Amino acid sequence: MHTKSHFTATLILSLALTGCANLDSQKANNNGAAQWDFDHDVQFRQTKLTTNHYQLEIIPNNKVGFERLATFLLRKSYSLCGSYHYKLEMIQGIESFDDKRAMPNYIFPSLIAKIDCSRK
């Protein structure tokens, strides 16, 4: 009985450690890889540039308007930084109010921004 309980405890501990190691490797491999946010129906790429500095690329699709892309950018920035004290630098992808009417067949580029979380 004593050996069986040690075996069970060892098995549980090794599975827990393996699971934690796997989560870290997946997180490291997702740097810059395309991901989905199913709540907002948005595809994005998140790249960690340096400590507290990120780049987000929100990839447009036909089902999601610019308003939702911009809202996702703000919410994801808040999530990354943990507070409202961050700086956004827009790189590309800002639409003007009447771009869709003026250029209905234009394929808009991804919304790309750099986020600086080090501002306090």
Foldseek 3Di string as FASTA:
>chain_A
DVVVVVVVVVVVVVVVVVVVVVVVVVVVVQAQPWDADVVLRWIKHWHDPDVQKIKIWIADDPVHDPVSLVVVVQVVLCVVLVHNQKDKDWDDFDDDPCPCVVCVPDRTGITMIMIHNPGD
